[in-house]
N, C-alpha and C. Protein backbone atom coordinates (compact mmCIF):
# COMPACT_ATOMS: atom_id res chain seq x y z
N MET A 1 -0.01 18.70 -5.38
CA MET A 1 -1.08 17.35 -5.56
C MET A 1 -0.66 16.48 -4.91
N PRO A 2 -1.53 15.94 -3.92
CA PRO A 2 -1.50 14.64 -2.97
C PRO A 2 -1.50 13.48 -3.98
N LYS A 3 -0.56 12.48 -3.34
CA LYS A 3 -0.44 11.28 -3.77
C LYS A 3 -1.53 10.31 -3.01
N GLN A 4 -2.26 9.31 -3.98
CA GLN A 4 -3.05 8.48 -3.24
C GLN A 4 -2.31 6.88 -3.42
N TYR A 5 -2.64 6.28 -2.33
CA TYR A 5 -2.15 5.14 -2.27
C TYR A 5 -3.10 4.08 -1.73
N LEU A 6 -3.38 2.87 -2.58
CA LEU A 6 -4.11 1.94 -1.98
C LEU A 6 -3.64 1.18 -0.71
N VAL A 7 -4.33 0.66 -0.07
CA VAL A 7 -3.79 0.34 1.46
C VAL A 7 -4.44 -1.03 1.80
N HIS A 8 -3.79 -1.90 2.31
CA HIS A 8 -4.27 -3.12 2.91
C HIS A 8 -3.91 -3.12 4.26
N ASN A 9 -5.08 -3.14 5.21
CA ASN A 9 -5.09 -3.21 6.44
C ASN A 9 -5.00 -4.79 7.18
N ASP A 10 -3.47 -5.14 7.25
CA ASP A 10 -3.26 -6.57 7.75
C ASP A 10 -3.52 -6.49 9.07
N ARG A 11 -3.44 -7.86 9.45
CA ARG A 11 -3.89 -8.20 11.18
C ARG A 11 -3.02 -7.74 11.89
N LEU A 12 -1.62 -7.32 11.70
CA LEU A 12 -0.87 -6.65 12.48
C LEU A 12 -0.53 -5.34 12.49
N ALA A 13 -1.52 -4.52 11.81
CA ALA A 13 -1.08 -3.22 11.49
C ALA A 13 -1.23 -2.43 12.70
N GLY A 14 -2.18 -2.62 13.49
CA GLY A 14 -2.47 -2.04 14.89
C GLY A 14 -1.13 -2.07 15.55
N TYR A 15 -0.63 -3.55 15.75
CA TYR A 15 0.65 -3.72 16.50
C TYR A 15 1.76 -3.05 16.28
N ARG A 16 1.80 -2.52 14.90
CA ARG A 16 2.92 -1.93 14.30
C ARG A 16 2.60 -0.30 14.49
N ASN A 17 1.47 -0.01 15.01
CA ASN A 17 1.07 1.25 14.79
C ASN A 17 0.81 1.86 13.40
N SER A 18 0.26 1.16 12.53
CA SER A 18 0.64 1.45 11.19
C SER A 18 -0.79 1.94 10.66
N GLU A 19 -0.56 2.56 9.56
CA GLU A 19 -2.21 2.72 8.77
C GLU A 19 -2.46 1.55 7.84
N GLY A 20 -1.46 0.72 7.78
CA GLY A 20 -1.54 -0.29 7.02
C GLY A 20 -0.37 -0.29 5.96
N VAL A 21 -0.65 -1.31 4.82
CA VAL A 21 0.99 -1.32 4.17
C VAL A 21 0.21 -0.68 2.78
N LEU A 22 1.05 0.03 2.16
CA LEU A 22 0.95 0.70 0.65
C LEU A 22 1.04 -0.08 -0.33
N PHE A 23 0.38 -0.12 -1.42
CA PHE A 23 0.85 -0.99 -2.51
C PHE A 23 1.55 0.19 -3.53
N VAL A 24 2.79 -0.36 -3.64
CA VAL A 24 3.73 0.54 -4.18
C VAL A 24 4.65 -0.23 -5.22
N ARG A 25 5.50 0.49 -6.15
CA ARG A 25 6.48 -0.19 -6.82
C ARG A 25 7.70 0.69 -6.68
N ASN A 26 8.95 0.15 -6.75
CA ASN A 26 10.18 0.86 -6.42
C ASN A 26 10.85 0.39 -7.97
N GLN A 27 11.05 1.63 -8.48
CA GLN A 27 11.49 1.38 -10.00
C GLN A 27 12.84 0.93 -10.03
N ARG A 28 13.56 1.13 -9.45
CA ARG A 28 14.81 0.47 -9.41
C ARG A 28 15.21 -0.88 -8.75
N ALA A 29 14.18 -1.43 -8.11
CA ALA A 29 14.39 -2.74 -7.62
C ALA A 29 13.16 -3.66 -7.86
N ASN A 30 12.88 -4.77 -7.53
CA ASN A 30 12.25 -5.69 -7.36
C ASN A 30 11.23 -5.87 -8.68
N ASN A 31 12.13 -5.52 -9.83
CA ASN A 31 11.77 -5.87 -11.17
C ASN A 31 10.51 -4.91 -11.50
N ASN A 32 10.24 -3.74 -10.68
CA ASN A 32 9.17 -2.94 -10.95
C ASN A 32 7.93 -3.63 -10.51
N ARG A 33 7.89 -4.59 -9.74
CA ARG A 33 6.59 -5.16 -9.39
C ARG A 33 5.94 -4.37 -8.17
N THR A 34 4.83 -5.01 -7.74
CA THR A 34 4.01 -4.48 -6.78
C THR A 34 4.81 -4.98 -5.45
N VAL A 35 5.16 -4.02 -4.43
CA VAL A 35 5.55 -4.67 -3.05
C VAL A 35 4.62 -3.82 -2.04
N PHE A 36 4.60 -4.15 -0.87
CA PHE A 36 3.84 -3.83 0.14
C PHE A 36 4.54 -3.02 1.22
N TYR A 37 4.49 -1.82 1.44
CA TYR A 37 5.27 -1.00 2.14
C TYR A 37 4.78 -0.48 3.44
N CYS A 38 5.30 -0.61 4.53
CA CYS A 38 4.99 -0.10 5.88
C CYS A 38 6.02 0.93 6.01
N ASP A 39 5.40 2.21 6.02
CA ASP A 39 6.13 3.53 6.04
C ASP A 39 6.58 3.76 7.51
N GLU A 40 5.85 3.30 8.54
CA GLU A 40 5.88 3.67 9.76
C GLU A 40 7.46 2.84 10.33
N TYR A 41 7.59 1.93 9.41
CA TYR A 41 8.91 0.72 9.91
C TYR A 41 9.98 0.77 8.87
N ALA A 42 9.49 1.69 7.79
CA ALA A 42 10.41 1.58 6.57
C ALA A 42 11.01 0.28 6.12
N ILE A 43 9.83 -0.64 6.02
CA ILE A 43 10.04 -2.12 5.74
C ILE A 43 9.06 -2.30 4.52
N PHE A 44 9.36 -3.42 3.79
CA PHE A 44 8.28 -3.83 2.72
C PHE A 44 8.22 -5.46 2.65
N TRP A 45 7.14 -5.96 2.18
CA TRP A 45 7.08 -7.42 1.86
C TRP A 45 6.57 -7.39 0.21
N THR A 46 7.12 -8.55 -0.17
CA THR A 46 7.27 -8.83 -1.70
C THR A 46 5.91 -9.63 -1.83
N ASP A 47 5.27 -10.32 -1.00
CA ASP A 47 4.19 -11.31 -1.07
C ASP A 47 2.95 -10.74 -0.04
N ILE A 48 1.93 -10.23 -0.46
CA ILE A 48 0.93 -9.78 0.60
C ILE A 48 0.51 -10.94 1.76
N ALA A 49 0.83 -12.22 1.22
CA ALA A 49 0.46 -13.22 2.34
C ALA A 49 1.43 -13.24 3.48
N ASP A 50 2.74 -12.71 3.43
CA ASP A 50 3.68 -12.31 4.14
C ASP A 50 3.65 -11.00 5.02
N VAL A 51 2.69 -10.40 4.76
CA VAL A 51 2.74 -9.00 5.39
C VAL A 51 2.31 -9.08 6.71
N GLY A 52 3.51 -8.57 7.46
CA GLY A 52 2.98 -8.57 9.12
C GLY A 52 4.06 -9.63 9.80
N ASP A 53 4.63 -10.60 8.84
CA ASP A 53 5.67 -11.47 9.36
C ASP A 53 7.14 -10.78 9.13
N PHE A 54 7.69 -10.33 10.25
CA PHE A 54 8.81 -9.39 10.24
C PHE A 54 10.01 -10.26 9.75
N ASP A 55 10.22 -11.75 10.02
CA ASP A 55 11.02 -12.48 9.31
C ASP A 55 11.15 -12.41 7.80
N LYS A 56 9.79 -12.01 6.99
CA LYS A 56 9.82 -12.11 5.68
C LYS A 56 9.84 -10.64 5.20
N SER A 57 10.13 -9.73 6.08
CA SER A 57 10.15 -8.34 5.48
C SER A 57 11.73 -7.90 5.02
N TYR A 58 11.83 -6.75 4.48
CA TYR A 58 13.00 -6.21 3.77
C TYR A 58 12.90 -4.61 4.15
N GLY A 59 14.42 -4.40 4.71
CA GLY A 59 14.64 -3.02 4.92
C GLY A 59 14.38 -2.09 3.70
N PHE A 60 14.23 -0.76 3.94
CA PHE A 60 14.11 0.06 2.73
C PHE A 60 14.41 1.49 3.42
N GLU A 61 15.69 1.85 2.82
CA GLU A 61 16.63 3.18 3.23
C GLU A 61 16.00 4.31 2.45
N ARG A 62 15.63 4.30 1.32
CA ARG A 62 15.26 5.21 0.88
C ARG A 62 13.96 6.30 1.04
N GLY A 63 13.10 5.55 1.86
CA GLY A 63 11.86 6.51 2.32
C GLY A 63 10.76 6.42 1.21
N ILE A 64 9.62 6.68 1.48
CA ILE A 64 8.38 6.73 0.78
C ILE A 64 8.51 7.52 -0.59
N ASP A 65 9.33 8.66 -0.88
CA ASP A 65 9.35 9.61 -1.81
C ASP A 65 10.02 8.86 -2.99
N SER A 66 10.66 7.62 -2.75
CA SER A 66 11.64 7.12 -4.00
C SER A 66 10.47 5.75 -4.64
N LEU A 67 9.35 5.76 -4.10
CA LEU A 67 8.52 4.88 -4.41
C LEU A 67 7.13 5.37 -5.30
N VAL A 68 6.58 4.62 -6.05
CA VAL A 68 5.66 4.91 -6.91
C VAL A 68 4.27 4.34 -6.50
N PRO A 69 3.13 4.86 -6.25
CA PRO A 69 1.97 4.48 -5.87
C PRO A 69 1.46 3.43 -7.04
N VAL A 70 1.01 2.30 -6.60
CA VAL A 70 0.24 1.15 -7.37
C VAL A 70 -1.16 1.99 -7.74
N MET A 71 -1.64 2.17 -9.10
CA MET A 71 -2.99 2.52 -9.22
C MET A 71 -3.83 1.27 -9.26
N TRP A 72 -5.28 1.73 -9.22
CA TRP A 72 -6.03 0.67 -9.08
C TRP A 72 -6.29 -0.37 -10.48
N GLU A 73 -6.00 0.45 -11.50
CA GLU A 73 -5.99 -0.29 -12.88
C GLU A 73 -5.11 -1.35 -12.98
N GLU A 74 -4.08 -1.16 -12.21
CA GLU A 74 -2.89 -2.21 -12.39
C GLU A 74 -3.37 -3.38 -11.21
N VAL A 75 -4.44 -3.34 -10.41
CA VAL A 75 -4.55 -4.38 -9.40
C VAL A 75 -6.20 -4.91 -9.59
N GLU A 76 -6.86 -4.04 -10.39
CA GLU A 76 -8.25 -4.55 -10.53
C GLU A 76 -8.75 -5.93 -11.30
N SER A 77 -7.70 -6.46 -12.07
CA SER A 77 -7.87 -7.59 -12.61
C SER A 77 -6.90 -8.61 -12.08
N THR A 78 -6.44 -8.52 -10.83
CA THR A 78 -5.76 -9.45 -10.44
C THR A 78 -6.11 -9.83 -8.90
N ASP A 79 -5.59 -10.71 -8.37
CA ASP A 79 -6.01 -11.39 -6.87
C ASP A 79 -5.96 -10.51 -5.97
N LEU A 80 -5.01 -9.57 -6.22
CA LEU A 80 -4.76 -8.43 -5.06
C LEU A 80 -6.10 -7.43 -4.90
N ARG A 81 -6.98 -7.28 -5.68
CA ARG A 81 -8.09 -6.39 -5.73
C ARG A 81 -8.61 -6.60 -4.13
N GLY A 82 -8.97 -7.88 -4.09
CA GLY A 82 -9.55 -8.25 -2.63
C GLY A 82 -8.91 -7.83 -1.31
N SER A 83 -7.59 -7.36 -1.73
CA SER A 83 -6.96 -7.10 -0.35
C SER A 83 -6.89 -5.55 -0.33
N VAL A 84 -7.57 -4.67 -1.34
CA VAL A 84 -7.50 -3.16 -0.89
C VAL A 84 -8.52 -3.01 -0.09
N ASP A 85 -8.21 -2.25 1.11
CA ASP A 85 -9.26 -1.86 2.10
C ASP A 85 -9.59 -0.42 2.09
N CYS A 86 -8.70 0.44 1.66
CA CYS A 86 -9.06 1.68 1.54
C CYS A 86 -8.06 2.74 0.71
N ILE A 87 -8.20 3.75 0.51
CA ILE A 87 -7.18 4.83 -0.14
C ILE A 87 -6.61 5.78 0.81
N LEU A 88 -5.05 5.84 0.82
CA LEU A 88 -4.87 6.77 1.81
C LEU A 88 -4.07 8.19 0.83
N GLU A 89 -4.63 9.17 1.28
CA GLU A 89 -4.25 10.35 0.32
C GLU A 89 -3.25 11.32 1.44
N ARG A 90 -2.09 11.38 0.72
CA ARG A 90 -1.13 12.38 1.47
C ARG A 90 -0.51 13.41 0.60
N GLY A 91 -0.37 14.48 1.49
CA GLY A 91 -0.15 15.61 0.80
C GLY A 91 1.56 15.51 0.44
N MET A 92 2.30 16.22 -0.37
CA MET A 92 3.40 16.42 -0.79
C MET A 92 4.43 16.63 0.29
N SER A 93 3.95 17.49 1.23
CA SER A 93 4.83 18.00 2.34
C SER A 93 4.73 16.73 3.42
N PRO A 94 5.79 16.42 4.47
CA PRO A 94 5.87 15.43 5.12
C PRO A 94 4.80 15.82 6.29
N LEU A 95 4.92 17.12 6.48
CA LEU A 95 3.97 17.76 7.50
C LEU A 95 2.35 17.73 7.34
N ALA A 96 2.11 17.57 6.01
CA ALA A 96 0.84 17.55 5.77
C ALA A 96 0.29 16.43 6.29
N PRO A 97 -1.00 16.58 6.68
CA PRO A 97 -2.09 15.45 7.05
C PRO A 97 -2.31 14.46 6.28
N SER A 98 -2.41 13.04 6.53
CA SER A 98 -3.34 12.04 5.64
C SER A 98 -4.57 12.10 5.95
N ARG A 99 -5.28 11.75 4.55
CA ARG A 99 -6.65 11.45 4.90
C ARG A 99 -6.78 10.11 4.21
N ARG A 100 -7.72 9.22 5.23
CA ARG A 100 -8.01 7.97 4.63
C ARG A 100 -9.29 7.98 4.11
N ILE A 101 -9.44 7.40 2.84
CA ILE A 101 -10.90 7.45 2.25
C ILE A 101 -11.17 5.95 2.09
N GLU A 102 -12.23 5.69 3.09
CA GLU A 102 -12.72 4.24 3.42
C GLU A 102 -13.77 3.77 2.14
N VAL A 103 -13.60 2.86 1.57
CA VAL A 103 -14.18 2.28 0.44
C VAL A 103 -14.89 1.15 0.62
N PRO A 104 -16.24 0.84 0.67
CA PRO A 104 -16.87 -0.37 0.89
C PRO A 104 -16.47 -1.34 0.02
N ARG A 105 -16.50 -2.49 0.37
CA ARG A 105 -16.08 -3.59 -0.47
C ARG A 105 -16.85 -3.69 -1.78
N ASP A 106 -18.05 -3.36 -1.41
CA ASP A 106 -18.95 -3.43 -2.52
C ASP A 106 -18.81 -2.48 -3.84
N ALA A 107 -18.26 -1.46 -3.43
CA ALA A 107 -17.76 -0.61 -4.32
C ALA A 107 -16.58 -0.89 -5.21
N TRP A 108 -15.73 -1.73 -4.50
CA TRP A 108 -14.55 -2.26 -5.25
C TRP A 108 -15.14 -3.26 -6.31
N ASN A 109 -16.19 -4.24 -6.13
CA ASN A 109 -16.65 -5.19 -6.78
C ASN A 109 -17.35 -4.65 -7.68
N ASP A 110 -17.97 -3.43 -7.70
CA ASP A 110 -18.85 -2.67 -8.85
C ASP A 110 -18.04 -2.11 -9.63
N LYS A 111 -16.71 -1.49 -9.34
CA LYS A 111 -16.02 -1.08 -9.97
C LYS A 111 -15.27 -1.98 -10.97
N VAL A 112 -14.89 -3.41 -10.38
CA VAL A 112 -14.31 -4.25 -11.14
C VAL A 112 -15.50 -4.70 -12.55
N ARG A 113 -16.78 -4.68 -12.00
CA ARG A 113 -17.58 -5.17 -13.20
C ARG A 113 -18.00 -4.22 -14.24
N GLU A 114 -17.76 -2.92 -13.90
CA GLU A 114 -17.77 -1.77 -14.91
C GLU A 114 -17.17 -2.05 -16.17
């Protein structure tokens, strides 16, 4: 079954040739809080305002398989909900293609009001 990740398209994602940063949790570190992971560079940021600033990033050696996707229900009542730009669906195999699900900003707002 594919995993779904909430994605933030930061201003430097194109520079990194990145799909954007993924909202994830590392259950062994960072007090199980949400971090923002760039799979292409295997780095993460702890604050969404710092995403794209390499001086404020942290290396991550274990890879995305050790990270848990953050679910919409975890961010819908926080300030982070406005930073979700799309959903990325990835197959379980590293060779499986990814699929971006673009979600209009209005749909996020409607979901929050429900």
